[in-house]
Amino acid sequence: MKSLQRFAFIALAFGLLASCTSVRVVSDYDQKANFDTYKTYAFYKTGIDKAQISDLDKKRILRAIETEMGARGFVKSDNPDVLISIFTKEREQVDVYNNYFGWGAGWGWGWGWGPAWAWGPGWGWGPGWGWGGNNVSTRTEGSLYIDVIDANKKELVWQGRGVGTLNNIKNIEKKEQRIKEFVAQILEEYPPQMSVAAN
């Protein structure tokens, strides 16, 4: 039974670790835009100035974007093909973890979103010892948007959004790494792989 309990806690720990480190990414783009013609870029200062994050974090994000764009062969220019802007959103997320070991009632654990409910698997057992209780934790979930704007038309042609946990990271190196992860995973989808319609 002890080995089974240990396995359950290890599985839960890995699940929580994955939920804290993963970045969920979605992107959208203008199907009429010719992404093959975009070779140079510049940052759109007006839009970036409106992003509600610290100037230090803005610098970290922009450096990460420069790295990713450079790796794709894009060059910064005073006469760019596209302008890149960013903005952010954040919200407080509440996680409820239900833990119960009961005499004759079985045991299980749960995880979920929101203060009102939780979900998760459970298993039943015969008589045994137990403990129970709910654990509630809060974390900040943030969204980073990266916009690509056609510099000539002044039109948005691509937008990527990454959503993930932004804990209050005191370690600067870890914060840098987390921002790099956000940017890298968002820009994995740029430029978009446009499907060619069959004639």
C-alpha atoms as a PDB file:
ATOM      1  CA  MET A   1       0.000   0.000   0.000  1.00  0.00           C
ATOM      2  CA  LYS A   2       2.868   2.381   0.772  1.00  0.00           C
ATOM      3  CA  SER A   3       4.336   1.915  -2.686  1.00  0.00           C
ATOM      4  CA  LEU A   4       0.934   2.629  -4.237  1.00  0.00           C
ATOM      5  CA  GLN A   5       0.584   5.800  -2.169  1.00  0.00           C
ATOM      6  CA  ARG A   6       4.078   6.879  -3.159  1.00  0.00           C
ATOM      7  CA  PHE A   7       3.243   6.282  -6.833  1.00  0.00           C
ATOM      8  CA  ALA A   8       0.051   8.345  -6.490  1.00  0.00           C
ATOM      9  CA  PHE A   9       1.894  11.291  -5.011  1.00  0.00           C
ATOM     10  CA  ILE A  10       4.667  11.107  -7.631  1.00  0.00           C
ATOM     11  CA  ALA A  11       2.064  11.063 -10.423  1.00  0.00           C
ATOM     12  CA  LEU A  12       0.312  14.041  -8.871  1.00  0.00           C
ATOM     13  CA  ALA A  13       3.574  15.937  -8.474  1.00  0.00           C
ATOM     14  CA  PHE A  14       4.480  15.380 -12.120  1.00  0.00           C
ATOM     15  CA  GLY A  15       1.007  16.501 -13.190  1.00  0.00           C
ATOM     16  CA  LEU A  16       1.314  19.697 -11.203  1.00  0.00           C
ATOM     17  CA  LEU A  17       4.812  20.326 -12.492  1.00  0.00           C
ATOM     18  CA  ALA A  18       3.636  19.943 -16.082  1.00  0.00           C
ATOM     19  CA  SER A  19       0.702  22.287 -15.520  1.00  0.00           C
ATOM     20  CA  CYS A  20       3.030  24.929 -14.094  1.00  0.00           C
ATOM     21  CA  THR A  21       5.627  24.828 -16.845  1.00  0.00           C
ATOM     22  CA  SER A  22       3.589  24.294 -20.009  1.00  0.00           C
ATOM     23  CA  VAL A  23       2.559  27.132 -22.292  1.00  0.00           C
ATOM     24  CA  ARG A  24      -0.706  26.757 -24.192  1.00  0.00           C
ATOM     25  CA  VAL A  25      -0.392  28.405 -27.594  1.00  0.00           C
ATOM     26  CA  VAL A  26      -2.938  29.466 -30.189  1.00  0.00           C
ATOM     27  CA  SER A  27      -2.372  31.533 -33.304  1.00  0.00           C
ATOM     28  CA  ASP A  28      -4.367  33.138 -36.097  1.00  0.00           C
ATOM     29  CA  TYR A  29      -3.389  34.736 -39.385  1.00  0.00           C
ATOM     30  CA  ASP A  30      -4.625  36.463 -42.514  1.00  0.00           C
ATOM     31  CA  GLN A  31      -4.799  33.837 -45.260  1.00  0.00           C
ATOM     32  CA  LYS A  32      -4.422  36.537 -47.915  1.00  0.00           C
ATOM     33  CA  ALA A  33      -1.090  37.758 -46.545  1.00  0.00           C
ATOM     34  CA  ASN A  34       2.021  36.681 -48.448  1.00  0.00           C
ATOM     35  CA  PHE A  35       4.335  35.647 -45.633  1.00  0.00           C
ATOM     36  CA  ASP A  36       7.086  34.721 -48.105  1.00  0.00           C
ATOM     37  CA  THR A  37       7.667  38.419 -48.816  1.00  0.00           C
ATOM     38  CA  TYR A  38       8.339  39.291 -45.165  1.00  0.00           C
ATOM     39  CA  LYS A  39      12.089  39.292 -44.526  1.00  0.00           C
ATOM     40  CA  THR A  40      12.706  42.259 -42.212  1.00  0.00           C
ATOM     41  CA  TYR A  41      11.059  43.522 -39.046  1.00  0.00           C
ATOM     42  CA  ALA A  42      11.080  46.269 -36.442  1.00  0.00           C
ATOM     43  CA  PHE A  43       9.390  46.633 -33.087  1.00  0.00           C
ATOM     44  CA  TYR A  44       6.206  48.700 -32.933  1.00  0.00           C
ATOM     45  CA  LYS A  45       7.094  51.035 -30.085  1.00  0.00           C
ATOM     46  CA  THR A  46       3.628  52.579 -29.730  1.00  0.00           C
ATOM     47  CA  GLY A  47       2.027  49.203 -29.081  1.00  0.00           C
ATOM     48  CA  ILE A  48       4.850  47.889 -26.889  1.00  0.00           C
ATOM     49  CA  ASP A  49       4.736  50.984 -24.665  1.00  0.00           C
ATOM     50  CA  LYS A  50       1.111  50.140 -23.810  1.00  0.00           C
ATOM     51  CA  ALA A  51       1.965  46.645 -22.543  1.00  0.00           C
ATOM     52  CA  GLN A  52       1.288  46.593 -18.808  1.00  0.00           C
ATOM     53  CA  ILE A  53       4.458  44.928 -17.603  1.00  0.00           C
ATOM     54  CA  SER A  54       7.718  46.228 -16.222  1.00  0.00           C
ATOM     55  CA  ASP A  55      10.266  47.736 -18.594  1.00  0.00           C
ATOM     56  CA  LEU A  56      12.724  45.021 -17.549  1.00  0.00           C
ATOM     57  CA  ASP A  57      10.327  42.262 -18.571  1.00  0.00           C
ATOM     58  CA  LYS A  58       9.604  44.094 -21.840  1.00  0.00           C
ATOM     59  CA  LYS A  59      13.327  44.068 -22.586  1.00  0.00           C
ATOM     60  CA  ARG A  60      13.493  40.351 -21.816  1.00  0.00           C
ATOM     61  CA  ILE A  61      10.558  39.631 -24.132  1.00  0.00           C
ATOM     62  CA  LEU A  62      11.983  41.746 -26.965  1.00  0.00           C
ATOM     63  CA  ARG A  63      15.415  40.102 -26.659  1.00  0.00           C
ATOM     64  CA  ALA A  64      13.741  36.684 -26.818  1.00  0.00           C
ATOM     65  CA  ILE A  65      11.788  37.750 -29.913  1.00  0.00           C
ATOM     66  CA  GLU A  66      15.003  38.993 -31.552  1.00  0.00           C
ATOM     67  CA  THR A  67      16.621  35.619 -30.896  1.00  0.00           C
ATOM     68  CA  GLU A  68      13.694  33.662 -32.342  1.00  0.00           C
ATOM     69  CA  MET A  69      13.291  35.921 -35.389  1.00  0.00           C
ATOM     70  CA  GLY A  70      17.028  35.806 -36.084  1.00  0.00           C
ATOM     71  CA  ALA A  71      16.941  32.004 -35.938  1.00  0.00           C
ATOM     72  CA  ARG A  72      14.290  32.112 -38.679  1.00  0.00           C
ATOM     73  CA  GLY A  73      16.409  34.335 -40.909  1.00  0.00           C
ATOM     74  CA  PHE A  74      14.602  37.629 -40.223  1.00  0.00           C
ATOM     75  CA  VAL A  75      16.628  40.831 -39.953  1.00  0.00           C
ATOM     76  CA  LYS A  76      15.868  43.994 -37.986  1.00  0.00           C
ATOM     77  CA  SER A  77      15.528  47.016 -40.256  1.00  0.00           C
ATOM     78  CA  ASP A  78      14.675  50.728 -40.252  1.00  0.00           C
ATOM     79  CA  ASN A  79      12.517  50.026 -43.306  1.00  0.00           C
ATOM     80  CA  PRO A  80      10.801  46.805 -42.198  1.00  0.00           C
ATOM     81  CA  ASP A  81       8.349  44.524 -43.956  1.00  0.00           C
ATOM     82  CA  VAL A  82       6.535  43.863 -40.679  1.00  0.00           C
ATOM     83  CA  LEU A  83       6.163  45.493 -37.291  1.00  0.00           C
ATOM     84  CA  ILE A  84       6.073  43.390 -34.129  1.00  0.00           C
ATOM     85  CA  SER A  85       4.066  44.398 -31.096  1.00  0.00           C
ATOM     86  CA  ILE A  86       3.285  42.725 -27.785  1.00  0.00           C
ATOM     87  CA  PHE A  87       0.700  43.010 -25.060  1.00  0.00           C
ATOM     88  CA  THR A  88      -0.111  41.042 -21.952  1.00  0.00           C
ATOM     89  CA  LYS A  89      -3.028  40.016 -19.783  1.00  0.00           C
ATOM     90  CA  GLU A  90      -3.099  38.230 -16.470  1.00  0.00           C
ATOM     91  CA  ARG A  91      -5.634  36.761 -14.093  1.00  0.00           C
ATOM     92  CA  GLU A  92      -5.583  35.060 -10.747  1.00  0.00           C
ATOM     93  CA  GLN A  93      -6.276  31.332 -10.974  1.00  0.00           C
ATOM     94  CA  VAL A  94      -7.527  29.279  -8.038  1.00  0.00           C
ATOM     95  CA  ASP A  95      -6.701  25.575  -7.867  1.00  0.00           C
ATOM     96  CA  VAL A  96      -8.549  23.219  -5.529  1.00  0.00           C
ATOM     97  CA  TYR A  97      -6.864  19.942  -4.628  1.00  0.00           C
ATOM     98  CA  ASN A  98      -9.053  17.383  -2.814  1.00  0.00           C
ATOM     99  CA  ASN A  99      -7.161  14.719  -0.869  1.00  0.00           C
ATOM    100  CA  TYR A 100      -8.951  11.982   1.013  1.00  0.00           C
ATOM    101  CA  PHE A 101      -7.906   8.710   2.545  1.00  0.00           C
ATOM    102  CA  GLY A 102     -10.792   7.114   4.457  1.00  0.00           C
ATOM    103  CA  TRP A 103     -11.419   4.111   6.672  1.00  0.00           C
ATOM    104  CA  GLY A 104     -13.327   1.729   4.450  1.00  0.00           C
ATOM    105  CA  ALA A 105     -14.161   4.554   2.035  1.00  0.00           C
ATOM    106  CA  GLY A 106     -11.166   4.542  -0.246  1.00  0.00           C
ATOM    107  CA  TRP A 107      -8.905   7.350  -1.401  1.00  0.00           C
ATOM    108  CA  GLY A 108      -8.316   9.670  -4.314  1.00  0.00           C
ATOM    109  CA  TRP A 109      -7.188  13.081  -5.327  1.00  0.00           C
ATOM    110  CA  GLY A 110      -8.470  15.835  -7.560  1.00  0.00           C
ATOM    111  CA  TRP A 111      -7.388  18.929  -9.342  1.00  0.00           C
ATOM    112  CA  GLY A 112      -9.289  21.620 -11.168  1.00  0.00           C
ATOM    113  CA  TRP A 113      -9.959  25.250 -11.899  1.00  0.00           C
ATOM    114  CA  GLY A 114     -12.055  27.649  -9.919  1.00  0.00           C
ATOM    115  CA  PRO A 115     -13.053  27.863  -6.277  1.00  0.00           C
ATOM    116  CA  ALA A 116     -16.316  25.978  -6.679  1.00  0.00           C
ATOM    117  CA  TRP A 117     -15.359  22.629  -8.125  1.00  0.00           C
ATOM    118  CA  ALA A 118     -12.594  20.112  -8.669  1.00  0.00           C
ATOM    119  CA  TRP A 119     -12.265  16.947 -10.634  1.00  0.00           C
ATOM    120  CA  GLY A 120      -9.994  13.931 -10.714  1.00  0.00           C
ATOM    121  CA  PRO A 121      -9.740  10.155 -10.538  1.00  0.00           C
ATOM    122  CA  GLY A 122     -10.452   8.083  -7.435  1.00  0.00           C
ATOM    123  CA  TRP A 123     -10.058   4.493  -6.332  1.00  0.00           C
ATOM    124  CA  GLY A 124     -11.898   2.452  -3.672  1.00  0.00           C
ATOM    125  CA  TRP A 125     -10.243   0.282  -1.030  1.00  0.00           C
ATOM    126  CA  GLY A 126     -11.263  -1.813   1.936  1.00  0.00           C
ATOM    127  CA  PRO A 127     -10.685  -0.956   5.586  1.00  0.00           C
ATOM    128  CA  GLY A 128      -7.597   1.073   6.275  1.00  0.00           C
ATOM    129  CA  TRP A 129      -6.235   4.244   7.793  1.00  0.00           C
ATOM    130  CA  GLY A 130      -6.782   7.629   6.268  1.00  0.00           C
ATOM    131  CA  TRP A 131      -6.563  11.399   6.208  1.00  0.00           C
ATOM    132  CA  GLY A 132      -8.477  14.025   4.315  1.00  0.00           C
ATOM    133  CA  GLY A 133      -8.760  17.662   3.478  1.00  0.00           C
ATOM    134  CA  ASN A 134      -8.820  20.270   0.737  1.00  0.00           C
ATOM    135  CA  ASN A 135      -5.867  22.336  -0.374  1.00  0.00           C
ATOM    136  CA  VAL A 136      -6.490  25.605  -2.182  1.00  0.00           C
ATOM    137  CA  SER A 137      -3.735  27.501  -3.940  1.00  0.00           C
ATOM    138  CA  THR A 138      -3.685  30.570  -6.137  1.00  0.00           C
ATOM    139  CA  ARG A 139      -1.361  31.409  -8.972  1.00  0.00           C
ATOM    140  CA  THR A 140      -1.133  34.042 -11.637  1.00  0.00           C
ATOM    141  CA  GLU A 141      -1.936  32.889 -15.151  1.00  0.00           C
ATOM    142  CA  GLY A 142      -0.666  35.236 -17.811  1.00  0.00           C
ATOM    143  CA  SER A 143      -1.199  35.657 -21.532  1.00  0.00           C
ATOM    144  CA  LEU A 144       1.474  37.035 -23.829  1.00  0.00           C
ATOM    145  CA  TYR A 145       0.318  38.185 -27.261  1.00  0.00           C
ATOM    146  CA  ILE A 146       2.744  38.725 -30.138  1.00  0.00           C
ATOM    147  CA  ASP A 147       1.328  40.648 -33.100  1.00  0.00           C
ATOM    148  CA  VAL A 148       2.854  40.823 -36.575  1.00  0.00           C
ATOM    149  CA  ILE A 149       1.655  43.826 -38.585  1.00  0.00           C
ATOM    150  CA  ASP A 150       2.189  44.442 -42.296  1.00  0.00           C
ATOM    151  CA  ALA A 151       4.247  47.651 -42.232  1.00  0.00           C
ATOM    152  CA  ASN A 152       2.946  48.959 -45.573  1.00  0.00           C
ATOM    153  CA  LYS A 153      -0.741  48.145 -45.143  1.00  0.00           C
ATOM    154  CA  LYS A 154      -0.734  48.766 -41.361  1.00  0.00           C
ATOM    155  CA  GLU A 155      -2.796  45.597 -40.968  1.00  0.00           C
ATOM    156  CA  LEU A 156      -2.481  42.756 -38.489  1.00  0.00           C
ATOM    157  CA  VAL A 157      -1.465  39.638 -40.414  1.00  0.00           C
ATOM    158  CA  TRP A 158      -0.553  37.222 -37.606  1.00  0.00           C
ATOM    159  CA  GLN A 159      -1.185  36.923 -33.891  1.00  0.00           C
ATOM    160  CA  GLY A 160       0.123  34.367 -31.458  1.00  0.00           C
ATOM    161  CA  ARG A 161      -0.932  33.959 -27.859  1.00  0.00           C
ATOM    162  CA  GLY A 162       0.766  31.973 -25.124  1.00  0.00           C
ATOM    163  CA  VAL A 163      -1.033  31.239 -21.867  1.00  0.00           C
ATOM    164  CA  GLY A 164       0.701  29.814 -18.844  1.00  0.00           C
ATOM    165  CA  THR A 165       1.519  30.226 -15.196  1.00  0.00           C
ATOM    166  CA  LEU A 166       3.571  33.238 -14.277  1.00  0.00           C
ATOM    167  CA  ASN A 167       4.657  32.684 -10.714  1.00  0.00           C
ATOM    168  CA  ASN A 168       6.493  35.398  -8.833  1.00  0.00           C
ATOM    169  CA  ILE A 169       9.931  34.174  -9.826  1.00  0.00           C
ATOM    170  CA  LYS A 170      12.588  35.779  -7.662  1.00  0.00           C
ATOM    171  CA  ASN A 171      15.470  34.061  -9.416  1.00  0.00           C
ATOM    172  CA  ILE A 172      16.339  36.295 -12.390  1.00  0.00           C
ATOM    173  CA  GLU A 173      17.814  33.446 -14.436  1.00  0.00           C
ATOM    174  CA  LYS A 174      14.617  31.408 -14.007  1.00  0.00           C
ATOM    175  CA  LYS A 175      12.521  34.423 -14.987  1.00  0.00           C
ATOM    176  CA  GLU A 176      14.638  34.915 -18.128  1.00  0.00           C
ATOM    177  CA  GLN A 177      14.228  31.243 -18.985  1.00  0.00           C
ATOM    178  CA  ARG A 178      10.458  31.333 -18.438  1.00  0.00           C
ATOM    179  CA  ILE A 179      10.083  34.337 -20.754  1.00  0.00           C
ATOM    180  CA  LYS A 180      12.236  32.616 -23.396  1.00  0.00           C
ATOM    181  CA  GLU A 181       9.971  29.547 -23.167  1.00  0.00           C
ATOM    182  CA  PHE A 182       6.868  31.689 -23.674  1.00  0.00           C
ATOM    183  CA  VAL A 183       8.286  33.488 -26.708  1.00  0.00           C
ATOM    184  CA  ALA A 184       9.848  30.395 -28.296  1.00  0.00           C
ATOM    185  CA  GLN A 185       6.658  28.352 -28.061  1.00  0.00           C
ATOM    186  CA  ILE A 186       4.502  31.175 -29.438  1.00  0.00           C
ATOM    187  CA  LEU A 187       6.823  31.851 -32.374  1.00  0.00           C
ATOM    188  CA  GLU A 188       7.057  28.142 -33.211  1.00  0.00           C
ATOM    189  CA  GLU A 189       3.878  28.850 -35.183  1.00  0.00           C
ATOM    190  CA  TYR A 190       5.359  31.775 -37.144  1.00  0.00           C
ATOM    191  CA  PRO A 191       5.447  32.012 -40.072  1.00  0.00           C
ATOM    192  CA  PRO A 192       2.296  29.927 -40.476  1.00  0.00           C
ATOM    193  CA  GLN A 193       2.382  26.750 -42.542  1.00  0.00           C
ATOM    194  CA  MET A 194      -0.209  27.807 -45.103  1.00  0.00           C
ATOM    195  CA  SER A 195      -1.945  25.007 -46.943  1.00  0.00           C
ATOM    196  CA  VAL A 196      -2.036  25.231 -50.717  1.00  0.00           C
ATOM    197  CA  ALA A 197      -5.528  24.716 -52.089  1.00  0.00           C
ATOM    198  CA  ALA A 198      -5.813  22.042 -54.745  1.00  0.00           C
ATOM    199  CA  ASN A 199      -6.863  23.223 -58.214  1.00  0.00           C
END
